[in-house]
Amino acid sequence: MFAFHFDDLQQYSDVLRLRDGRPLALRFVEPDDAEALQRYFRSLSERSRYNRFLGAMSELPKTLLQQFSHVGEGDSFSVIATVMREGIETIVGEARYAFDSDTGSFEFGLSIDDNWQGQGIGSALLGNLQCRAAAFGANRLFGDTLRSNAAMIGLARKSGFAFMPSPGDWKLVRFEKLVDVAPQEIPCASWRLAAEQIAQQAAA
């Protein structure tokens, strides 16, 4: 697994664009973000939390919050999408992903603040996750969602994912996409750099 260090996390931050051209920052969650991340999850509607965690949850349990706020813990990574509002960094979306080097699979889940849905955050975030998957050398990326989650299903369909039953749970549907981007062709500059570093670590 690629080793990230907190003293160089900034180089893996990205600035994306919303549909209206406003900047959307995407960066790894750090330990100091734990309180803000918890506030974000508490602010989501009950339906959005249910869709994100595939069940009822009012907030992140302490152990899960700790995992979310430590990069690479359990071979999983968390990122937040933020905008500046009156000079304050505000979380408007998040994603968590894990790469399985044995199978080449990149699994992810994400959520968008209810008040910011429909502004292109989901599409921008999903596009960035595809860059990250390519950088890790994944051959496919996938996620599971409730069959009733029309917003996530619509986003995945628009982004070219194929659909299939989720193994072991009829209430879920799996969306999957093959990764066929060469490292040097990754459209996110920070993740072209990461791909080079990952290759160097693998060769060491």
N, C-alpha and C. Protein backbone atom coordinates (compact mmCIF):
# COMPACT_ATOMS: atom_id res chain seq x y z
N MET A 1 0.86 -1.21 0.00
CA MET A 1 0.00 0.00 0.00
C MET A 1 0.88 1.24 0.00
N PHE A 2 0.50 2.20 -0.80
CA PHE A 2 1.24 3.45 -0.88
C PHE A 2 1.21 4.16 0.46
N ALA A 3 2.37 4.59 0.95
CA ALA A 3 2.47 5.23 2.27
C ALA A 3 2.37 6.75 2.14
N PHE A 4 1.35 7.32 2.76
CA PHE A 4 1.20 8.77 2.80
C PHE A 4 1.74 9.28 4.13
N HIS A 5 2.32 10.48 4.11
CA HIS A 5 2.84 11.09 5.32
C HIS A 5 2.19 12.46 5.47
N PHE A 6 1.81 12.79 6.70
CA PHE A 6 1.06 14.02 6.92
C PHE A 6 1.85 15.26 6.52
N ASP A 7 3.17 15.18 6.48
CA ASP A 7 3.93 16.37 6.12
C ASP A 7 3.92 16.64 4.62
N ASP A 8 3.37 15.71 3.83
CA ASP A 8 3.31 15.97 2.38
C ASP A 8 1.92 15.76 1.81
N LEU A 9 0.90 15.71 2.66
CA LEU A 9 -0.46 15.49 2.18
C LEU A 9 -0.95 16.60 1.28
N GLN A 10 -0.42 17.82 1.48
CA GLN A 10 -0.89 18.98 0.73
C GLN A 10 -0.72 18.79 -0.77
N GLN A 11 0.32 18.06 -1.17
CA GLN A 11 0.56 17.89 -2.60
C GLN A 11 -0.49 17.01 -3.26
N TYR A 12 -1.29 16.31 -2.46
CA TYR A 12 -2.34 15.47 -3.01
C TYR A 12 -3.71 16.14 -2.93
N SER A 13 -3.72 17.45 -2.74
CA SER A 13 -4.96 18.21 -2.75
C SER A 13 -5.27 18.63 -4.19
N ASP A 14 -6.54 18.75 -4.49
CA ASP A 14 -6.97 19.12 -5.82
C ASP A 14 -7.98 20.25 -5.75
N VAL A 15 -7.99 21.09 -6.77
CA VAL A 15 -9.00 22.13 -6.90
C VAL A 15 -9.85 21.78 -8.11
N LEU A 16 -11.11 21.44 -7.85
CA LEU A 16 -12.05 21.08 -8.89
C LEU A 16 -12.97 22.27 -9.16
N ARG A 17 -13.89 22.12 -10.07
CA ARG A 17 -14.79 23.22 -10.41
C ARG A 17 -16.24 22.75 -10.38
N LEU A 18 -17.10 23.58 -9.77
CA LEU A 18 -18.52 23.31 -9.81
C LEU A 18 -19.06 23.73 -11.17
N ARG A 19 -20.31 23.45 -11.44
CA ARG A 19 -20.90 23.77 -12.73
C ARG A 19 -20.88 25.26 -13.02
N ASP A 20 -20.98 26.08 -11.96
CA ASP A 20 -20.98 27.53 -12.16
C ASP A 20 -19.57 28.13 -12.14
N GLY A 21 -18.54 27.26 -12.09
CA GLY A 21 -17.16 27.73 -12.13
C GLY A 21 -16.53 27.95 -10.78
N ARG A 22 -17.30 27.88 -9.70
CA ARG A 22 -16.73 28.09 -8.38
C ARG A 22 -15.75 26.97 -8.02
N PRO A 23 -14.67 27.31 -7.31
CA PRO A 23 -13.69 26.29 -6.94
C PRO A 23 -14.20 25.37 -5.85
N LEU A 24 -13.84 24.12 -5.95
CA LEU A 24 -14.15 23.09 -4.96
C LEU A 24 -12.85 22.41 -4.60
N ALA A 25 -12.42 22.55 -3.36
CA ALA A 25 -11.17 21.94 -2.91
C ALA A 25 -11.43 20.51 -2.45
N LEU A 26 -10.52 19.63 -2.80
CA LEU A 26 -10.63 18.23 -2.37
C LEU A 26 -9.30 17.84 -1.75
N ARG A 27 -9.35 17.38 -0.49
CA ARG A 27 -8.12 17.04 0.21
C ARG A 27 -8.37 15.88 1.17
N PHE A 28 -7.27 15.27 1.60
CA PHE A 28 -7.37 14.21 2.59
C PHE A 28 -7.87 14.76 3.92
N VAL A 29 -8.66 13.96 4.62
CA VAL A 29 -9.06 14.31 5.98
C VAL A 29 -7.84 14.16 6.89
N GLU A 30 -7.68 15.09 7.81
CA GLU A 30 -6.61 15.03 8.81
C GLU A 30 -7.24 14.93 10.20
N PRO A 31 -6.47 14.50 11.21
CA PRO A 31 -7.04 14.34 12.56
C PRO A 31 -7.77 15.57 13.08
N ASP A 32 -7.27 16.76 12.76
CA ASP A 32 -7.91 17.98 13.25
C ASP A 32 -9.28 18.22 12.61
N ASP A 33 -9.62 17.46 11.56
CA ASP A 33 -10.90 17.62 10.89
C ASP A 33 -12.02 16.82 11.54
N ALA A 34 -11.70 16.03 12.56
CA ALA A 34 -12.68 15.09 13.12
C ALA A 34 -13.96 15.78 13.57
N GLU A 35 -13.85 16.88 14.29
CA GLU A 35 -15.05 17.57 14.80
C GLU A 35 -15.88 18.13 13.65
N ALA A 36 -15.23 18.75 12.67
CA ALA A 36 -15.96 19.31 11.53
C ALA A 36 -16.61 18.20 10.71
N LEU A 37 -15.93 17.08 10.58
CA LEU A 37 -16.49 15.96 9.82
C LEU A 37 -17.71 15.39 10.53
N GLN A 38 -17.64 15.31 11.85
CA GLN A 38 -18.80 14.82 12.60
C GLN A 38 -19.99 15.78 12.45
N ARG A 39 -19.71 17.09 12.48
CA ARG A 39 -20.78 18.07 12.28
C ARG A 39 -21.40 17.90 10.89
N TYR A 40 -20.57 17.63 9.91
CA TYR A 40 -21.06 17.43 8.55
C TYR A 40 -22.05 16.26 8.51
N PHE A 41 -21.66 15.12 9.09
CA PHE A 41 -22.54 13.96 9.05
C PHE A 41 -23.83 14.21 9.84
N ARG A 42 -23.73 14.90 10.95
CA ARG A 42 -24.93 15.21 11.72
C ARG A 42 -25.88 16.12 10.94
N SER A 43 -25.32 16.97 10.07
CA SER A 43 -26.15 17.93 9.33
C SER A 43 -26.85 17.30 8.14
N LEU A 44 -26.42 16.12 7.72
CA LEU A 44 -27.08 15.46 6.60
C LEU A 44 -28.50 15.06 6.99
N SER A 45 -29.38 15.02 6.01
CA SER A 45 -30.73 14.56 6.28
C SER A 45 -30.70 13.08 6.66
N GLU A 46 -31.75 12.64 7.32
CA GLU A 46 -31.83 11.24 7.72
C GLU A 46 -31.71 10.32 6.51
N ARG A 47 -32.35 10.70 5.41
CA ARG A 47 -32.27 9.88 4.20
C ARG A 47 -30.85 9.83 3.65
N SER A 48 -30.15 10.98 3.64
CA SER A 48 -28.78 11.00 3.11
C SER A 48 -27.85 10.15 3.96
N ARG A 49 -28.01 10.21 5.28
CA ARG A 49 -27.18 9.36 6.15
C ARG A 49 -27.51 7.89 5.92
N TYR A 50 -28.78 7.58 5.76
CA TYR A 50 -29.20 6.19 5.53
C TYR A 50 -28.60 5.68 4.21
N ASN A 51 -28.65 6.50 3.18
CA ASN A 51 -28.08 6.11 1.89
C ASN A 51 -26.57 5.93 1.98
N ARG A 52 -25.91 6.81 2.73
CA ARG A 52 -24.45 6.75 2.81
C ARG A 52 -23.97 5.51 3.56
N PHE A 53 -24.64 5.17 4.65
CA PHE A 53 -24.17 4.07 5.50
C PHE A 53 -25.02 2.81 5.37
N LEU A 54 -25.97 2.84 4.43
CA LEU A 54 -26.81 1.67 4.13
C LEU A 54 -27.59 1.22 5.37
N GLY A 55 -27.93 2.19 6.20
CA GLY A 55 -28.68 1.90 7.40
C GLY A 55 -28.79 3.15 8.27
N ALA A 56 -29.59 3.05 9.32
CA ALA A 56 -29.81 4.20 10.20
C ALA A 56 -28.57 4.52 11.02
N MET A 57 -28.17 5.80 11.01
CA MET A 57 -27.03 6.26 11.78
C MET A 57 -27.15 7.77 11.93
N SER A 58 -27.11 8.27 13.16
CA SER A 58 -27.26 9.70 13.39
C SER A 58 -25.93 10.44 13.34
N GLU A 59 -24.85 9.72 13.60
CA GLU A 59 -23.51 10.29 13.56
C GLU A 59 -22.51 9.15 13.46
N LEU A 60 -21.24 9.49 13.24
CA LEU A 60 -20.22 8.47 13.18
C LEU A 60 -19.86 8.02 14.59
N PRO A 61 -19.89 6.72 14.87
CA PRO A 61 -19.39 6.25 16.17
C PRO A 61 -17.93 6.66 16.35
N LYS A 62 -17.50 6.77 17.58
CA LYS A 62 -16.16 7.28 17.88
C LYS A 62 -15.07 6.51 17.15
N THR A 63 -15.18 5.18 17.14
CA THR A 63 -14.14 4.38 16.49
C THR A 63 -14.12 4.62 14.98
N LEU A 64 -15.32 4.75 14.38
CA LEU A 64 -15.39 4.99 12.95
C LEU A 64 -14.92 6.40 12.60
N LEU A 65 -15.24 7.36 13.45
CA LEU A 65 -14.76 8.73 13.23
C LEU A 65 -13.24 8.77 13.26
N GLN A 66 -12.63 8.01 14.15
CA GLN A 66 -11.18 7.96 14.22
C GLN A 66 -10.60 7.37 12.94
N GLN A 67 -11.25 6.33 12.43
CA GLN A 67 -10.78 5.73 11.18
C GLN A 67 -10.91 6.70 10.02
N PHE A 68 -12.02 7.43 9.97
CA PHE A 68 -12.24 8.39 8.89
C PHE A 68 -11.18 9.49 8.92
N SER A 69 -10.72 9.88 10.10
CA SER A 69 -9.84 11.03 10.22
C SER A 69 -8.36 10.68 10.25
N HIS A 70 -8.01 9.42 9.95
CA HIS A 70 -6.61 9.02 9.88
C HIS A 70 -6.35 8.36 8.53
N VAL A 71 -5.59 9.04 7.70
CA VAL A 71 -5.31 8.56 6.35
C VAL A 71 -4.59 7.22 6.38
N GLY A 72 -5.12 6.25 5.65
CA GLY A 72 -4.46 4.97 5.51
C GLY A 72 -4.77 3.96 6.59
N GLU A 73 -5.53 4.36 7.63
CA GLU A 73 -5.85 3.42 8.69
C GLU A 73 -6.80 2.35 8.15
N GLY A 74 -6.42 1.10 8.35
CA GLY A 74 -7.21 0.01 7.78
C GLY A 74 -7.13 -0.03 6.27
N ASP A 75 -6.05 0.53 5.71
CA ASP A 75 -5.87 0.59 4.25
C ASP A 75 -7.02 1.33 3.56
N SER A 76 -7.62 2.30 4.28
CA SER A 76 -8.69 3.11 3.72
C SER A 76 -8.32 4.58 3.80
N PHE A 77 -8.93 5.38 2.93
CA PHE A 77 -8.59 6.79 2.83
C PHE A 77 -9.87 7.62 2.77
N SER A 78 -9.86 8.75 3.46
CA SER A 78 -11.02 9.64 3.46
C SER A 78 -10.62 11.00 2.91
N VAL A 79 -11.49 11.57 2.11
CA VAL A 79 -11.27 12.90 1.55
C VAL A 79 -12.52 13.75 1.80
N ILE A 80 -12.31 15.05 1.88
CA ILE A 80 -13.43 15.97 2.01
C ILE A 80 -13.39 16.98 0.88
N ALA A 81 -14.59 17.35 0.42
CA ALA A 81 -14.75 18.41 -0.58
C ALA A 81 -15.20 19.65 0.17
N THR A 82 -14.51 20.77 -0.02
CA THR A 82 -14.82 21.97 0.75
C THR A 82 -14.94 23.20 -0.16
N VAL A 83 -15.71 24.17 0.33
CA VAL A 83 -15.80 25.48 -0.31
C VAL A 83 -15.56 26.52 0.78
N MET A 84 -15.20 27.71 0.37
CA MET A 84 -15.01 28.80 1.32
C MET A 84 -16.30 29.60 1.41
N ARG A 85 -16.82 29.74 2.62
CA ARG A 85 -18.03 30.53 2.86
C ARG A 85 -17.72 31.56 3.94
N GLU A 86 -17.71 32.83 3.52
CA GLU A 86 -17.38 33.92 4.42
C GLU A 86 -16.02 33.69 5.10
N GLY A 87 -15.08 33.21 4.30
CA GLY A 87 -13.72 33.00 4.78
C GLY A 87 -13.51 31.75 5.60
N ILE A 88 -14.54 30.89 5.70
CA ILE A 88 -14.45 29.67 6.50
C ILE A 88 -14.55 28.45 5.59
N GLU A 89 -13.61 27.52 5.75
CA GLU A 89 -13.65 26.28 4.99
C GLU A 89 -14.85 25.45 5.45
N THR A 90 -15.71 25.08 4.50
CA THR A 90 -16.94 24.36 4.83
C THR A 90 -17.00 23.05 4.06
N ILE A 91 -17.22 21.95 4.77
CA ILE A 91 -17.33 20.64 4.12
C ILE A 91 -18.67 20.51 3.43
N VAL A 92 -18.66 20.19 2.14
CA VAL A 92 -19.90 20.02 1.38
C VAL A 92 -20.01 18.62 0.78
N GLY A 93 -19.00 17.79 0.99
CA GLY A 93 -19.05 16.43 0.50
C GLY A 93 -17.87 15.64 1.05
N GLU A 94 -17.97 14.33 0.96
CA GLU A 94 -16.87 13.48 1.43
C GLU A 94 -16.90 12.17 0.67
N ALA A 95 -15.77 11.48 0.71
CA ALA A 95 -15.68 10.15 0.11
C ALA A 95 -14.67 9.33 0.90
N ARG A 96 -14.87 8.05 0.90
CA ARG A 96 -13.93 7.14 1.54
C ARG A 96 -13.69 5.99 0.58
N TYR A 97 -12.43 5.59 0.45
CA TYR A 97 -12.13 4.53 -0.50
C TYR A 97 -11.02 3.64 0.02
N ALA A 98 -10.93 2.47 -0.58
CA ALA A 98 -9.89 1.50 -0.22
C ALA A 98 -9.44 0.78 -1.49
N PHE A 99 -8.14 0.50 -1.57
CA PHE A 99 -7.60 -0.22 -2.72
C PHE A 99 -7.12 -1.59 -2.26
N ASP A 100 -7.57 -2.63 -2.93
CA ASP A 100 -7.15 -4.00 -2.66
C ASP A 100 -6.15 -4.40 -3.74
N SER A 101 -4.89 -4.42 -3.37
CA SER A 101 -3.84 -4.71 -4.36
C SER A 101 -3.91 -6.15 -4.87
N ASP A 102 -4.49 -7.06 -4.09
CA ASP A 102 -4.57 -8.46 -4.51
C ASP A 102 -5.55 -8.64 -5.67
N THR A 103 -6.64 -7.88 -5.65
CA THR A 103 -7.65 -8.01 -6.69
C THR A 103 -7.64 -6.85 -7.68
N GLY A 104 -6.89 -5.78 -7.35
CA GLY A 104 -6.87 -4.60 -8.20
C GLY A 104 -8.16 -3.81 -8.14
N SER A 105 -8.91 -3.98 -7.06
CA SER A 105 -10.21 -3.33 -6.92
C SER A 105 -10.12 -2.08 -6.04
N PHE A 106 -10.83 -1.06 -6.42
CA PHE A 106 -10.87 0.22 -5.73
C PHE A 106 -12.32 0.46 -5.34
N GLU A 107 -12.64 0.30 -4.05
CA GLU A 107 -14.03 0.43 -3.56
C GLU A 107 -14.21 1.78 -2.91
N PHE A 108 -15.37 2.40 -3.13
CA PHE A 108 -15.59 3.73 -2.57
C PHE A 108 -17.05 3.96 -2.19
N GLY A 109 -17.26 4.95 -1.35
CA GLY A 109 -18.58 5.45 -1.02
C GLY A 109 -18.47 6.95 -0.85
N LEU A 110 -19.55 7.68 -1.07
CA LEU A 110 -19.48 9.14 -0.96
C LEU A 110 -20.82 9.72 -0.54
N SER A 111 -20.79 10.96 -0.11
CA SER A 111 -22.01 11.69 0.22
C SER A 111 -21.82 13.16 -0.12
N ILE A 112 -22.93 13.85 -0.37
CA ILE A 112 -22.93 15.28 -0.66
C ILE A 112 -23.91 15.96 0.28
N ASP A 113 -23.54 17.11 0.82
CA ASP A 113 -24.43 17.89 1.67
C ASP A 113 -25.75 18.13 0.94
N ASP A 114 -26.87 17.92 1.63
CA ASP A 114 -28.19 18.06 1.00
C ASP A 114 -28.37 19.43 0.33
N ASN A 115 -27.84 20.47 0.96
CA ASN A 115 -28.01 21.83 0.43
C ASN A 115 -27.13 22.11 -0.78
N TRP A 116 -26.20 21.21 -1.09
CA TRP A 116 -25.27 21.43 -2.20
C TRP A 116 -25.44 20.41 -3.32
N GLN A 117 -26.45 19.58 -3.21
CA GLN A 117 -26.68 18.59 -4.26
C GLN A 117 -27.20 19.27 -5.52
N GLY A 118 -26.87 18.69 -6.67
CA GLY A 118 -27.31 19.24 -7.94
C GLY A 118 -26.42 20.33 -8.50
N GLN A 119 -25.23 20.54 -7.88
CA GLN A 119 -24.33 21.60 -8.34
C GLN A 119 -23.03 21.06 -8.95
N GLY A 120 -23.01 19.76 -9.19
CA GLY A 120 -21.84 19.17 -9.85
C GLY A 120 -20.79 18.62 -8.92
N ILE A 121 -21.04 18.64 -7.60
CA ILE A 121 -20.04 18.14 -6.66
C ILE A 121 -19.85 16.64 -6.83
N GLY A 122 -20.95 15.91 -6.95
CA GLY A 122 -20.86 14.46 -7.09
C GLY A 122 -20.07 14.06 -8.32
N SER A 123 -20.34 14.70 -9.45
CA SER A 123 -19.62 14.37 -10.69
C SER A 123 -18.13 14.69 -10.57
N ALA A 124 -17.83 15.86 -9.97
CA ALA A 124 -16.42 16.25 -9.80
C ALA A 124 -15.70 15.29 -8.88
N LEU A 125 -16.36 14.91 -7.80
CA LEU A 125 -15.76 14.00 -6.83
C LEU A 125 -15.53 12.63 -7.44
N LEU A 126 -16.52 12.15 -8.18
CA LEU A 126 -16.39 10.83 -8.79
C LEU A 126 -15.29 10.82 -9.85
N GLY A 127 -15.16 11.90 -10.60
CA GLY A 127 -14.08 11.99 -11.58
C GLY A 127 -12.72 11.95 -10.91
N ASN A 128 -12.59 12.62 -9.77
CA ASN A 128 -11.32 12.62 -9.05
C ASN A 128 -11.01 11.24 -8.48
N LEU A 129 -12.03 10.54 -8.01
CA LEU A 129 -11.82 9.18 -7.50
C LEU A 129 -11.31 8.26 -8.60
N GLN A 130 -11.75 8.48 -9.84
CA GLN A 130 -11.25 7.67 -10.94
C GLN A 130 -9.76 7.94 -11.18
N CYS A 131 -9.33 9.19 -10.99
CA CYS A 131 -7.91 9.51 -11.07
C CYS A 131 -7.13 8.77 -10.00
N ARG A 132 -7.66 8.77 -8.79
CA ARG A 132 -6.98 8.10 -7.68
C ARG A 132 -6.90 6.60 -7.92
N ALA A 133 -7.97 6.01 -8.44
CA ALA A 133 -7.96 4.58 -8.74
C ALA A 133 -6.88 4.25 -9.76
N ALA A 134 -6.78 5.07 -10.81
CA ALA A 134 -5.76 4.84 -11.84
C ALA A 134 -4.36 4.97 -11.26
N ALA A 135 -4.17 5.95 -10.36
CA ALA A 135 -2.85 6.15 -9.75
C ALA A 135 -2.43 4.95 -8.92
N PHE A 136 -3.37 4.31 -8.25
CA PHE A 136 -3.06 3.14 -7.44
C PHE A 136 -2.83 1.90 -8.29
N GLY A 137 -3.17 1.98 -9.58
CA GLY A 137 -3.01 0.83 -10.45
C GLY A 137 -4.21 -0.10 -10.43
N ALA A 138 -5.35 0.41 -10.01
CA ALA A 138 -6.56 -0.41 -9.96
C ALA A 138 -7.02 -0.77 -11.37
N ASN A 139 -7.64 -1.93 -11.49
CA ASN A 139 -8.21 -2.30 -12.79
C ASN A 139 -9.72 -2.11 -12.82
N ARG A 140 -10.31 -1.84 -11.66
CA ARG A 140 -11.74 -1.54 -11.61
C ARG A 140 -12.05 -0.76 -10.35
N LEU A 141 -13.10 0.06 -10.41
CA LEU A 141 -13.58 0.72 -9.21
C LEU A 141 -15.07 0.45 -9.10
N PHE A 142 -15.54 0.36 -7.86
CA PHE A 142 -16.93 -0.01 -7.67
C PHE A 142 -17.45 0.51 -6.34
N GLY A 143 -18.76 0.51 -6.23
CA GLY A 143 -19.42 0.85 -4.98
C GLY A 143 -20.75 0.14 -4.91
N ASP A 144 -21.31 0.08 -3.73
CA ASP A 144 -22.63 -0.50 -3.52
C ASP A 144 -23.55 0.58 -2.97
N THR A 145 -24.80 0.56 -3.39
CA THR A 145 -25.77 1.51 -2.87
C THR A 145 -27.13 0.86 -2.81
N LEU A 146 -28.02 1.46 -2.04
CA LEU A 146 -29.38 0.95 -1.95
C LEU A 146 -30.10 1.11 -3.29
N ARG A 147 -30.93 0.15 -3.63
CA ARG A 147 -31.69 0.22 -4.88
C ARG A 147 -32.59 1.45 -4.91
N SER A 148 -32.92 1.98 -3.74
CA SER A 148 -33.79 3.15 -3.65
C SER A 148 -33.03 4.47 -3.75
N ASN A 149 -31.69 4.41 -3.83
CA ASN A 149 -30.87 5.63 -3.88
C ASN A 149 -30.76 6.12 -5.32
N ALA A 150 -31.82 6.79 -5.78
CA ALA A 150 -31.88 7.21 -7.17
C ALA A 150 -30.78 8.20 -7.53
N ALA A 151 -30.39 9.07 -6.58
CA ALA A 151 -29.37 10.08 -6.88
C ALA A 151 -28.03 9.42 -7.18
N MET A 152 -27.60 8.46 -6.34
CA MET A 152 -26.31 7.80 -6.55
C MET A 152 -26.35 6.94 -7.81
N ILE A 153 -27.45 6.26 -8.04
CA ILE A 153 -27.59 5.43 -9.24
C ILE A 153 -27.52 6.31 -10.49
N GLY A 154 -28.19 7.46 -10.45
CA GLY A 154 -28.16 8.38 -11.58
C GLY A 154 -26.77 8.92 -11.84
N LEU A 155 -26.04 9.27 -10.76
CA LEU A 155 -24.68 9.78 -10.89
C LEU A 155 -23.76 8.71 -11.50
N ALA A 156 -23.87 7.48 -11.00
CA ALA A 156 -23.03 6.39 -11.52
C ALA A 156 -23.35 6.10 -12.98
N ARG A 157 -24.62 6.10 -13.32
CA ARG A 157 -25.01 5.84 -14.72
C ARG A 157 -24.46 6.94 -15.64
N LYS A 158 -24.58 8.19 -15.21
CA LYS A 158 -24.08 9.31 -16.01
C LYS A 158 -22.58 9.22 -16.20
N SER A 159 -21.88 8.63 -15.22
CA SER A 159 -20.42 8.53 -15.27
C SER A 159 -19.94 7.26 -15.95
N GLY A 160 -20.85 6.49 -16.53
CA GLY A 160 -20.45 5.34 -17.33
C GLY A 160 -20.26 4.04 -16.59
N PHE A 161 -20.82 3.92 -15.38
CA PHE A 161 -20.69 2.68 -14.62
C PHE A 161 -21.71 1.66 -15.10
N ALA A 162 -21.34 0.39 -15.01
CA ALA A 162 -22.26 -0.71 -15.29
C ALA A 162 -22.89 -1.16 -13.97
N PHE A 163 -24.06 -1.76 -14.04
CA PHE A 163 -24.79 -2.15 -12.84
C PHE A 163 -24.98 -3.66 -12.79
N MET A 164 -24.98 -4.19 -11.57
CA MET A 164 -25.16 -5.62 -11.34
C MET A 164 -25.65 -5.81 -9.91
N PRO A 165 -26.20 -6.98 -9.58
CA PRO A 165 -26.60 -7.23 -8.19
C PRO A 165 -25.39 -7.18 -7.27
N SER A 166 -25.60 -6.69 -6.06
CA SER A 166 -24.53 -6.70 -5.07
C SER A 166 -24.49 -8.06 -4.41
N PRO A 167 -23.33 -8.71 -4.35
CA PRO A 167 -23.26 -10.06 -3.78
C PRO A 167 -23.77 -10.11 -2.34
N GLY A 168 -24.73 -10.98 -2.10
CA GLY A 168 -25.14 -11.25 -0.73
C GLY A 168 -26.21 -10.35 -0.16
N ASP A 169 -26.67 -9.32 -0.88
CA ASP A 169 -27.69 -8.43 -0.32
C ASP A 169 -28.59 -7.92 -1.44
N TRP A 170 -29.81 -8.42 -1.49
CA TRP A 170 -30.73 -8.06 -2.56
C TRP A 170 -31.17 -6.59 -2.51
N LYS A 171 -31.01 -5.95 -1.34
CA LYS A 171 -31.43 -4.54 -1.20
C LYS A 171 -30.45 -3.59 -1.87
N LEU A 172 -29.26 -4.09 -2.24
CA LEU A 172 -28.20 -3.24 -2.79
C LEU A 172 -28.01 -3.51 -4.27
N VAL A 173 -27.47 -2.51 -4.95
CA VAL A 173 -27.04 -2.67 -6.32
C VAL A 173 -25.58 -2.23 -6.39
N ARG A 174 -24.79 -2.93 -7.18
CA ARG A 174 -23.37 -2.59 -7.35
C ARG A 174 -23.18 -1.85 -8.67
N PHE A 175 -22.38 -0.79 -8.64
CA PHE A 175 -22.01 -0.09 -9.86
C PHE A 175 -20.50 -0.21 -10.02
N GLU A 176 -20.06 -0.52 -11.20
CA GLU A 176 -18.66 -0.88 -11.43
C GLU A 176 -18.18 -0.30 -12.75
N LYS A 177 -16.91 0.07 -12.78
CA LYS A 177 -16.32 0.63 -14.00
C LYS A 177 -14.88 0.15 -14.11
N LEU A 178 -14.50 -0.26 -15.30
CA LEU A 178 -13.12 -0.67 -15.54
C LEU A 178 -12.23 0.56 -15.63
N VAL A 179 -11.01 0.42 -15.14
CA VAL A 179 -10.03 1.51 -15.19
C VAL A 179 -9.04 1.19 -16.30
N ASP A 180 -9.00 2.04 -17.32
CA ASP A 180 -8.11 1.78 -18.46
C ASP A 180 -7.29 3.01 -18.82
N VAL A 181 -6.93 3.80 -17.78
CA VAL A 181 -6.14 5.00 -17.99
C VAL A 181 -4.69 4.73 -17.62
N ALA A 182 -3.78 4.97 -18.55
CA ALA A 182 -2.36 4.80 -18.25
C ALA A 182 -1.91 5.87 -17.26
N PRO A 183 -0.96 5.56 -16.37
CA PRO A 183 -0.53 6.52 -15.35
C PRO A 183 -0.17 7.89 -15.91
N GLN A 184 0.53 7.92 -17.04
CA GLN A 184 0.95 9.20 -17.62
C GLN A 184 -0.20 9.97 -18.25
N GLU A 185 -1.36 9.32 -18.38
CA GLU A 185 -2.53 9.97 -18.99
C GLU A 185 -3.60 10.34 -17.96
N ILE A 186 -3.30 10.16 -16.68
CA ILE A 186 -4.26 10.51 -15.63
C ILE A 186 -4.56 12.01 -15.72
N PRO A 187 -5.83 12.40 -15.81
CA PRO A 187 -6.16 13.82 -16.02
C PRO A 187 -6.00 14.72 -14.80
N CYS A 188 -5.72 14.15 -13.64
CA CYS A 188 -5.51 14.96 -12.43
C CYS A 188 -4.00 15.04 -12.17
N ALA A 189 -3.44 16.26 -12.22
CA ALA A 189 -1.99 16.44 -12.13
C ALA A 189 -1.41 15.84 -10.86
N SER A 190 -2.08 16.07 -9.71
CA SER A 190 -1.53 15.57 -8.45
C SER A 190 -1.47 14.04 -8.44
N TRP A 191 -2.40 13.40 -9.16
CA TRP A 191 -2.42 11.94 -9.15
C TRP A 191 -1.56 11.32 -10.23
N ARG A 192 -1.16 12.10 -11.25
CA ARG A 192 -0.08 11.64 -12.12
C ARG A 192 1.21 11.55 -11.32
N LEU A 193 1.45 12.57 -10.46
CA LEU A 193 2.61 12.57 -9.58
C LEU A 193 2.56 11.40 -8.61
N ALA A 194 1.39 11.16 -8.03
CA ALA A 194 1.24 10.06 -7.09
C ALA A 194 1.52 8.72 -7.76
N ALA A 195 1.06 8.58 -9.01
CA ALA A 195 1.28 7.33 -9.74
C ALA A 195 2.77 7.05 -9.90
N GLU A 196 3.55 8.09 -10.17
CA GLU A 196 4.99 7.93 -10.29
C GLU A 196 5.60 7.48 -8.96
N GLN A 197 5.14 8.10 -7.86
CA GLN A 197 5.68 7.75 -6.56
C GLN A 197 5.28 6.34 -6.14
N ILE A 198 4.05 5.96 -6.46
CA ILE A 198 3.60 4.61 -6.14
C ILE A 198 4.44 3.59 -6.90
N ALA A 199 4.73 3.87 -8.17
CA ALA A 199 5.55 2.96 -8.97
C ALA A 199 6.96 2.85 -8.38
N GLN A 200 7.50 3.98 -7.90
CA GLN A 200 8.83 3.97 -7.30
C GLN A 200 8.85 3.16 -6.02
N GLN A 201 7.79 3.29 -5.19
CA GLN A 201 7.72 2.53 -3.95
C GLN A 201 7.61 1.05 -4.24
N ALA A 202 6.84 0.70 -5.29
CA ALA A 202 6.64 -0.71 -5.63
C ALA A 202 7.94 -1.33 -6.12
N ALA A 203 8.78 -0.51 -6.78
CA ALA A 203 10.02 -1.03 -7.34
C ALA A 203 11.14 -1.10 -6.30
N ALA A 204 10.99 -0.35 -5.21
CA ALA A 204 12.04 -0.30 -4.18
C ALA A 204 12.15 -1.62 -3.41
